[in-house]
Amino acid sequence: QVQLVESGGGLVQPGGSLRLSCAVSGSIVSDNRMGWYRQAPGKERELVAAIAAGSSTNSGDSVKGRFTISRSNAKNTVYLQMNSLKPEDTAVYYCNAVDWMGTSYWGQGTQVTVSS
């Protein structure tokens, strides 16, 4: 049973930083394509950033240069470092894992609110 548990969300002022964590059990992060997605009220879920099993990364245009995805193989955890946060980054952030068979797993989500 693969489980993803996000943490690190909260309220932050514009220009601030947060680091989200996604702890994975039942699978090895370096064997999967891991991603962070977000969904704001009334909007579709969108890709924020992803890291492939081979360590290549990609990110959405709206977060390029501000957000960085990384992973710790030792801790079996994926991170999303978010800098220069803007009010439009407010959303529920979800961790996603896709294994070698194409099976997709989701975490429960963590709320990020950027407001003064």
Protein backbone atom coordinates (compact mmCIF):
# COMPACT_ATOMS: atom_id res chain seq x y z
CA GLN A 1 0.00 0.00 0.00
CA VAL A 2 1.58 3.24 -1.16
CA GLN A 3 0.91 6.23 1.06
CA LEU A 4 1.90 9.85 0.59
CA VAL A 5 1.74 12.26 3.52
CA GLU A 6 2.23 15.98 2.89
CA SER A 7 3.25 18.52 5.49
CA GLY A 8 4.61 22.04 5.70
CA GLY A 9 1.69 24.09 4.47
CA GLY A 10 0.40 27.16 6.25
CA LEU A 11 -0.11 30.89 6.10
CA VAL A 12 2.72 33.05 4.80
CA GLN A 13 3.04 36.68 3.75
CA PRO A 14 3.72 37.63 0.14
CA GLY A 15 7.42 37.33 -0.62
CA GLY A 16 7.88 34.66 2.02
CA SER A 17 8.98 31.05 1.75
CA LEU A 18 7.67 27.63 2.67
CA ARG A 19 8.98 24.10 2.24
CA LEU A 20 6.52 21.30 1.66
CA SER A 21 7.42 17.71 2.40
CA CYS A 22 5.92 14.49 1.07
CA ALA A 23 6.84 11.39 3.02
CA VAL A 24 6.35 8.20 1.03
CA SER A 25 5.76 4.71 2.38
CA GLY A 26 5.19 1.48 0.49
CA SER A 27 7.34 2.59 -2.44
CA ILE A 28 10.76 4.08 -3.17
CA VAL A 29 10.73 7.71 -4.29
CA SER A 30 13.68 7.26 -6.62
CA ASP A 31 11.78 4.55 -8.52
CA ASN A 32 8.81 6.81 -9.24
CA ARG A 33 8.01 9.98 -11.04
CA MET A 34 7.16 12.32 -8.17
CA GLY A 35 5.23 15.53 -8.58
CA TRP A 36 3.60 18.41 -6.78
CA TYR A 37 0.25 19.67 -8.02
CA ARG A 38 -2.00 22.42 -6.74
CA GLN A 39 -5.64 23.29 -6.95
CA ALA A 40 -7.09 26.68 -6.16
CA PRO A 41 -10.84 27.20 -5.53
CA GLY A 42 -12.76 27.07 -8.79
CA LYS A 43 -9.72 26.04 -10.81
CA GLU A 44 -8.42 22.78 -12.21
CA ARG A 45 -5.56 20.92 -10.60
CA GLU A 46 -2.27 21.92 -12.22
CA LEU A 47 1.27 20.62 -12.22
CA VAL A 48 3.66 22.66 -10.11
CA ALA A 49 6.86 20.64 -10.44
CA ALA A 50 7.96 17.07 -11.04
CA ILE A 51 11.08 14.96 -10.67
CA ALA A 52 11.63 11.83 -12.69
CA ALA A 53 13.22 8.61 -11.47
CA GLY A 54 16.34 9.71 -13.31
CA SER A 55 16.36 13.03 -11.39
CA SER A 56 15.44 15.33 -14.25
CA THR A 57 12.96 17.99 -13.19
CA ASN A 58 10.37 20.22 -14.78
CA SER A 59 8.09 22.92 -13.43
CA GLY A 60 5.15 25.02 -14.44
CA ASP A 61 5.76 28.39 -16.09
CA SER A 62 4.13 30.28 -13.23
CA VAL A 63 6.62 28.98 -10.66
CA LYS A 64 9.83 28.77 -12.68
CA GLY A 65 12.70 30.40 -10.82
CA ARG A 66 10.74 30.47 -7.55
CA PHE A 67 9.91 26.83 -6.70
CA THR A 68 12.31 23.89 -6.59
CA ILE A 69 11.48 20.20 -6.31
CA SER A 70 13.97 17.81 -4.76
CA ARG A 71 14.07 14.44 -3.05
CA SER A 72 15.94 12.67 -0.30
CA ASN A 73 16.46 9.02 -1.09
CA ALA A 74 17.65 8.44 2.49
CA LYS A 75 14.42 9.84 3.92
CA ASN A 76 12.22 8.61 1.05
CA THR A 77 10.77 12.09 0.93
CA VAL A 78 10.11 14.68 -1.76
CA TYR A 79 10.27 18.40 -1.09
CA LEU A 80 8.95 21.54 -2.69
CA GLN A 81 10.87 24.67 -1.76
CA MET A 82 8.71 27.70 -2.47
CA ASN A 83 10.27 31.16 -2.48
CA SER A 84 8.96 34.61 -3.37
CA LEU A 85 5.43 33.44 -2.74
CA LYS A 86 2.55 35.38 -4.27
CA PRO A 87 -1.14 35.50 -3.35
CA GLU A 88 -1.90 33.60 -6.55
CA ASP A 89 0.11 30.65 -5.18
CA THR A 90 -2.67 30.10 -2.65
CA ALA A 91 -4.04 26.59 -3.18
CA VAL A 92 -4.17 23.08 -1.80
CA TYR A 93 -0.91 21.38 -2.75
CA TYR A 94 -0.92 17.66 -3.49
CA CYS A 95 1.92 15.18 -3.73
CA ASN A 96 1.72 12.60 -6.53
CA ALA A 97 3.64 9.44 -7.33
CA VAL A 98 3.49 7.48 -10.57
CA ASP A 99 5.11 4.06 -10.51
CA TRP A 100 6.65 2.03 -13.35
CA MET A 101 3.26 0.52 -14.21
CA GLY A 102 1.69 3.96 -14.53
CA THR A 103 -0.32 3.67 -11.34
CA SER A 104 -0.89 7.09 -9.77
CA TYR A 105 -1.07 7.79 -6.04
CA TRP A 106 -2.09 11.00 -4.29
CA GLY A 107 -1.62 12.49 -0.88
CA GLN A 108 -4.38 14.17 1.08
CA GLY A 109 -3.16 17.69 0.31
CA THR A 110 -1.84 20.57 2.37
CA GLN A 111 -3.19 24.12 2.32
CA VAL A 112 -0.90 27.00 1.39
CA THR A 113 -2.27 30.50 1.90
CA VAL A 114 -0.31 33.56 0.85
CA SER A 115 -1.79 36.69 2.34
CA SER A 116 -0.84 39.78 4.27
